[in-house]
PDB file of all heavy atoms in Angstrom:
ATOM      1  N   GLY A   1      84.171 314.228  94.658  1.00  0.00           N
ATOM      2  CA  GLY A   1      82.802 313.713  94.703  1.00  0.00           C
ATOM      3  C   GLY A   1      82.107 314.018  96.015  1.00  0.00           C
ATOM      4  O   GLY A   1      80.902 314.292  96.038  1.00  0.00           O
ATOM      5  N   ILE A   2      82.855 313.971  97.112  1.00  0.00           N
ATOM      6  CA  ILE A   2      82.262 314.231  98.421  1.00  0.00           C
ATOM      7  C   ILE A   2      81.940 315.711  98.591  1.00  0.00           C
ATOM      8  O   ILE A   2      80.818 316.095  98.935  1.00  0.00           O
ATOM      9  CB  ILE A   2      83.209 313.764  99.547  1.00  0.00           C
ATOM     10  CG1 ILE A   2      83.394 312.248  99.492  1.00  0.00           C
ATOM     11  CG2 ILE A   2      82.673 314.207 100.913  1.00  0.00           C
ATOM     12  CD1 ILE A   2      84.397 311.721 100.496  1.00  0.00           C
ATOM     13  N   ASN A   3      82.927 316.570  98.358  1.00  0.00           N
ATOM     14  CA  ASN A   3      82.785 317.986  98.712  1.00  0.00           C
ATOM     15  C   ASN A   3      82.044 318.830  97.682  1.00  0.00           C
ATOM     16  O   ASN A   3      81.533 319.897  98.024  1.00  0.00           O
ATOM     17  CB  ASN A   3      84.167 318.592  98.972  1.00  0.00           C
ATOM     18  CG  ASN A   3      84.705 318.217 100.334  1.00  0.00           C
ATOM     19  OD1 ASN A   3      83.944 317.849 101.217  1.00  0.00           O
ATOM     20  ND2 ASN A   3      86.002 318.302 100.510  1.00  0.00           N
ATOM     21  N   LEU A   4      82.012 318.390  96.438  1.00  0.00           N
ATOM     22  CA  LEU A   4      81.278 319.149  95.433  1.00  0.00           C
ATOM     23  C   LEU A   4      79.851 318.651  95.260  1.00  0.00           C
ATOM     24  O   LEU A   4      78.949 319.439  94.961  1.00  0.00           O
ATOM     25  CB  LEU A   4      82.005 319.101  94.082  1.00  0.00           C
ATOM     26  CG  LEU A   4      82.973 320.266  93.801  1.00  0.00           C
ATOM     27  CD1 LEU A   4      84.075 320.314  94.850  1.00  0.00           C
ATOM     28  CD2 LEU A   4      83.570 320.141  92.407  1.00  0.00           C
ATOM     29  N   TYR A   5      79.643 317.356  95.464  1.00  0.00           N
ATOM     30  CA  TYR A   5      78.332 316.763  95.208  1.00  0.00           C
ATOM     31  C   TYR A   5      77.614 316.359  96.499  1.00  0.00           C
ATOM     32  O   TYR A   5      76.552 316.887  96.826  1.00  0.00           O
ATOM     33  CB  TYR A   5      78.479 315.526  94.314  1.00  0.00           C
ATOM     34  CG  TYR A   5      78.961 315.785  92.915  1.00  0.00           C
ATOM     35  CD1 TYR A   5      80.304 316.057  92.663  1.00  0.00           C
ATOM     36  CD2 TYR A   5      78.086 315.736  91.822  1.00  0.00           C
ATOM     37  CE1 TYR A   5      80.759 316.283  91.374  1.00  0.00           C
ATOM     38  CE2 TYR A   5      78.530 315.950  90.533  1.00  0.00           C
ATOM     39  CZ  TYR A   5      79.873 316.232  90.308  1.00  0.00           C
ATOM     40  OH  TYR A   5      80.322 316.456  89.030  1.00  0.00           O
ATOM     41  N   ASP A   6      78.210 315.385  97.200  1.00  0.00           N
ATOM     42  CA  ASP A   6      77.484 314.708  98.278  1.00  0.00           C
ATOM     43  C   ASP A   6      77.267 315.572  99.514  1.00  0.00           C
ATOM     44  O   ASP A   6      76.146 315.686 100.015  1.00  0.00           O
ATOM     45  CB  ASP A   6      78.225 313.427  98.681  1.00  0.00           C
ATOM     46  CG  ASP A   6      78.281 312.419  97.547  1.00  0.00           C
ATOM     47  OD1 ASP A   6      77.405 312.486  96.670  1.00  0.00           O
ATOM     48  OD2 ASP A   6      79.207 311.583  97.539  1.00  0.00           O
ATOM     49  N   LYS A   7      78.336 316.155 100.040  1.00  0.00           N
ATOM     50  CA  LYS A   7      78.202 316.864 101.307  1.00  0.00           C
ATOM     51  C   LYS A   7      77.287 318.088 101.220  1.00  0.00           C
ATOM     52  O   LYS A   7      76.460 318.297 102.117  1.00  0.00           O
ATOM     53  CB  LYS A   7      79.578 317.257 101.851  1.00  0.00           C
ATOM     54  CG  LYS A   7      79.519 317.777 103.282  1.00  0.00           C
ATOM     55  CD  LYS A   7      80.907 318.003 103.869  1.00  0.00           C
ATOM     56  CE  LYS A   7      80.832 318.508 105.293  1.00  0.00           C
ATOM     57  NZ  LYS A   7      82.165 318.729 105.888  1.00  0.00           N
ATOM     58  N   PRO A   8      77.391 318.926 100.160  1.00  0.00           N
ATOM     59  CA  PRO A   8      76.439 320.037 100.061  1.00  0.00           C
ATOM     60  C   PRO A   8      74.993 319.560  99.946  1.00  0.00           C
ATOM     61  O   PRO A   8      74.090 320.169 100.524  1.00  0.00           O
ATOM     62  CB  PRO A   8      76.888 320.780  98.798  1.00  0.00           C
ATOM     63  CG  PRO A   8      78.313 320.400  98.621  1.00  0.00           C
ATOM     64  CD  PRO A   8      78.423 318.998  99.112  1.00  0.00           C
ATOM     65  N   ALA A   9      74.780 318.467  99.196  1.00  0.00           N
ATOM     66  CA  ALA A   9      73.428 317.919  99.075  1.00  0.00           C
ATOM     67  C   ALA A   9      72.944 317.397 100.418  1.00  0.00           C
ATOM     68  O   ALA A   9      71.781 317.595 100.800  1.00  0.00           O
ATOM     69  CB  ALA A   9      73.404 316.808  98.033  1.00  0.00           C
ATOM     70  N   ASN A  10      73.825 316.727 101.164  1.00  0.00           N
ATOM     71  CA  ASN A  10      73.470 316.267 102.511  1.00  0.00           C
ATOM     72  C   ASN A  10      73.108 317.446 103.408  1.00  0.00           C
ATOM     73  O   ASN A  10      72.121 317.408 104.154  1.00  0.00           O
ATOM     74  CB  ASN A  10      74.641 315.505 103.135  1.00  0.00           C
ATOM     75  CG  ASN A  10      74.967 314.215 102.423  1.00  0.00           C
ATOM     76  OD1 ASN A  10      74.141 313.679 101.692  1.00  0.00           O
ATOM     77  ND2 ASN A  10      76.167 313.714 102.622  1.00  0.00           N
ATOM     78  N   ALA A  11      73.936 318.484 103.335  1.00  0.00           N
ATOM     79  CA  ALA A  11      73.723 319.653 104.193  1.00  0.00           C
ATOM     80  C   ALA A  11      72.374 320.311 103.904  1.00  0.00           C
ATOM     81  O   ALA A  11      71.611 320.629 104.828  1.00  0.00           O
ATOM     82  CB  ALA A  11      74.853 320.659 103.987  1.00  0.00           C
ATOM     83  N   LEU A  12      72.056 320.530 102.640  1.00  0.00           N
ATOM     84  CA  LEU A  12      70.803 321.200 102.300  1.00  0.00           C
ATOM     85  C   LEU A  12      69.596 320.325 102.623  1.00  0.00           C
ATOM     86  O   LEU A  12      68.531 320.835 102.994  1.00  0.00           O
ATOM     87  CB  LEU A  12      70.807 321.591 100.830  1.00  0.00           C
ATOM     88  CG  LEU A  12      71.863 322.641 100.445  1.00  0.00           C
ATOM     89  CD1 LEU A  12      71.797 322.950  98.962  1.00  0.00           C
ATOM     90  CD2 LEU A  12      71.689 323.915 101.261  1.00  0.00           C
ATOM     91  N   THR A  13      69.747 319.019 102.485  1.00  0.00           N
ATOM     92  CA  THR A  13      68.669 318.116 102.880  1.00  0.00           C
ATOM     93  C   THR A  13      68.425 318.209 104.383  1.00  0.00           C
ATOM     94  O   THR A  13      67.278 318.240 104.850  1.00  0.00           O
ATOM     95  CB  THR A  13      69.015 316.667 102.495  1.00  0.00           C
ATOM     96  OG1 THR A  13      69.179 316.591 101.074  1.00  0.00           O
ATOM     97  CG2 THR A  13      67.909 315.707 102.907  1.00  0.00           C
ATOM     98  N   MET A  14      69.506 318.246 105.155  1.00  0.00           N
ATOM     99  CA  MET A  14      69.380 318.396 106.605  1.00  0.00           C
ATOM    100  C   MET A  14      68.757 319.737 106.965  1.00  0.00           C
ATOM    101  O   MET A  14      67.891 319.823 107.852  1.00  0.00           O
ATOM    102  CB  MET A  14      70.766 318.262 107.247  1.00  0.00           C
ATOM    103  CG  MET A  14      70.772 318.229 108.758  1.00  0.00           C
ATOM    104  SD  MET A  14      69.818 316.880 109.505  1.00  0.00           S
ATOM    105  CE  MET A  14      70.476 315.441 108.639  1.00  0.00           C
ATOM    106  N   LEU A  15      69.168 320.798 106.280  1.00  0.00           N
ATOM    107  CA  LEU A  15      68.620 322.129 106.534  1.00  0.00           C
ATOM    108  C   LEU A  15      67.124 322.158 106.239  1.00  0.00           C
ATOM    109  O   LEU A  15      66.340 322.749 106.983  1.00  0.00           O
ATOM    110  CB  LEU A  15      69.354 323.165 105.684  1.00  0.00           C
ATOM    111  CG  LEU A  15      68.997 324.632 105.900  1.00  0.00           C
ATOM    112  CD1 LEU A  15      69.330 325.080 107.320  1.00  0.00           C
ATOM    113  CD2 LEU A  15      69.728 325.516 104.884  1.00  0.00           C
ATOM    114  N   ARG A  16      66.727 321.490 105.168  1.00  0.00           N
ATOM    115  CA  ARG A  16      65.313 321.460 104.774  1.00  0.00           C
ATOM    116  C   ARG A  16      64.471 320.585 105.697  1.00  0.00           C
ATOM    117  O   ARG A  16      63.382 320.976 106.121  1.00  0.00           O
ATOM    118  CB  ARG A  16      65.194 320.948 103.337  1.00  0.00           C
ATOM    119  CG  ARG A  16      63.767 320.939 102.772  1.00  0.00           C
ATOM    120  CD  ARG A  16      63.792 320.493 101.319  1.00  0.00           C
ATOM    121  NE  ARG A  16      62.507 320.673 100.665  1.00  0.00           N
ATOM    122  CZ  ARG A  16      61.633 319.687 100.436  1.00  0.00           C
ATOM    123  NH1 ARG A  16      61.912 318.442 100.824  1.00  0.00           N
ATOM    124  NH2 ARG A  16      60.491 319.935  99.813  1.00  0.00           N
ATOM    125  N   ASN A  17      64.958 319.416 106.004  1.00  0.00           N
ATOM    126  CA  ASN A  17      64.139 318.441 106.728  1.00  0.00           C
ATOM    127  C   ASN A  17      64.115 318.648 108.236  1.00  0.00           C
ATOM    128  O   ASN A  17      63.085 318.422 108.872  1.00  0.00           O
ATOM    129  CB  ASN A  17      64.618 317.024 106.432  1.00  0.00           C
ATOM    130  CG  ASN A  17      64.357 316.596 105.000  1.00  0.00           C
ATOM    131  OD1 ASN A  17      63.659 317.281 104.261  1.00  0.00           O
ATOM    132  ND2 ASN A  17      64.908 315.474 104.614  1.00  0.00           N
ATOM    133  N   GLN A  18      65.255 319.068 108.814  1.00  0.00           N
ATOM    134  CA  GLN A  18      65.359 319.061 110.266  1.00  0.00           C
ATOM    135  C   GLN A  18      65.555 320.427 110.911  1.00  0.00           C
ATOM    136  O   GLN A  18      65.345 320.563 112.110  1.00  0.00           O
ATOM    137  CB  GLN A  18      66.528 318.142 110.689  1.00  0.00           C
ATOM    138  CG  GLN A  18      66.444 316.732 110.165  1.00  0.00           C
ATOM    139  CD  GLN A  18      65.188 315.992 110.583  1.00  0.00           C
ATOM    140  OE1 GLN A  18      64.499 316.385 111.519  1.00  0.00           O
ATOM    141  NE2 GLN A  18      64.870 314.915 109.889  1.00  0.00           N
ATOM    142  N   VAL A  19      66.000 321.418 110.147  1.00  0.00           N
ATOM    143  CA  VAL A  19      66.291 322.727 110.750  1.00  0.00           C
ATOM    144  C   VAL A  19      65.200 323.742 110.422  1.00  0.00           C
ATOM    145  O   VAL A  19      64.555 324.299 111.322  1.00  0.00           O
ATOM    146  CB  VAL A  19      67.672 323.247 110.289  1.00  0.00           C
ATOM    147  CG1 VAL A  19      67.942 324.636 110.887  1.00  0.00           C
ATOM    148  CG2 VAL A  19      68.773 322.275 110.699  1.00  0.00           C
ATOM    149  N   LEU A  20      64.962 323.993 109.138  1.00  0.00           N
ATOM    150  CA  LEU A  20      63.990 325.007 108.747  1.00  0.00           C
ATOM    151  C   LEU A  20      62.590 324.446 108.525  1.00  0.00           C
ATOM    152  O   LEU A  20      61.595 325.133 108.750  1.00  0.00           O
ATOM    153  CB  LEU A  20      64.449 325.709 107.461  1.00  0.00           C
ATOM    154  CG  LEU A  20      65.702 326.571 107.560  1.00  0.00           C
ATOM    155  CD1 LEU A  20      66.028 327.177 106.200  1.00  0.00           C
ATOM    156  CD2 LEU A  20      65.544 327.661 108.612  1.00  0.00           C
ATOM    157  N   GLY A  21      62.509 323.217 108.068  1.00  0.00           N
ATOM    158  CA  GLY A  21      61.223 322.680 107.625  1.00  0.00           C
ATOM    159  C   GLY A  21      61.053 322.924 106.137  1.00  0.00           C
ATOM    160  O   GLY A  21      61.629 323.850 105.563  1.00  0.00           O
ATOM    161  N   LYS A  22      60.276 322.072 105.497  1.00  0.00           N
ATOM    162  CA  LYS A  22      60.180 322.092 104.044  1.00  0.00           C
ATOM    163  C   LYS A  22      59.592 323.391 103.499  1.00  0.00           C
ATOM    164  O   LYS A  22      60.083 323.932 102.508  1.00  0.00           O
ATOM    165  CB  LYS A  22      59.371 320.888 103.570  1.00  0.00           C
ATOM    166  CG  LYS A  22      60.038 319.561 103.897  1.00  0.00           C
ATOM    167  CD  LYS A  22      59.194 318.369 103.472  1.00  0.00           C
ATOM    168  CE  LYS A  22      59.902 317.065 103.835  1.00  0.00           C
ATOM    169  NZ  LYS A  22      59.098 315.879 103.447  1.00  0.00           N
ATOM    170  N   ASP A  23      58.529 323.885 104.103  1.00  0.00           N
ATOM    171  CA  ASP A  23      57.866 325.079 103.563  1.00  0.00           C
ATOM    172  C   ASP A  23      58.790 326.292 103.614  1.00  0.00           C
ATOM    173  O   ASP A  23      58.911 327.034 102.624  1.00  0.00           O
ATOM    174  CB  ASP A  23      56.577 325.370 104.331  1.00  0.00           C
ATOM    175  CG  ASP A  23      55.490 324.330 104.076  1.00  0.00           C
ATOM    176  OD1 ASP A  23      55.610 323.592 103.068  1.00  0.00           O
ATOM    177  OD2 ASP A  23      54.544 324.245 104.877  1.00  0.00           O
ATOM    178  N   LEU A  24      59.425 326.512 104.751  1.00  0.00           N
ATOM    179  CA  LEU A  24      60.290 327.684 104.904  1.00  0.00           C
ATOM    180  C   LEU A  24      61.526 327.560 104.030  1.00  0.00           C
ATOM    181  O   LEU A  24      61.948 328.526 103.375  1.00  0.00           O
ATOM    182  CB  LEU A  24      60.688 327.839 106.373  1.00  0.00           C
ATOM    183  CG  LEU A  24      61.364 329.154 106.765  1.00  0.00           C
ATOM    184  CD1 LEU A  24      60.488 330.343 106.394  1.00  0.00           C
ATOM    185  CD2 LEU A  24      61.662 329.158 108.264  1.00  0.00           C
TER     186      LEU A  24
END
């Protein structure tokens, strides 16, 4: 549950919100 669902979703949310920004 952690490695297939939660952690990838957490990672992509972090990438979108804090690293790249939503538009990019």
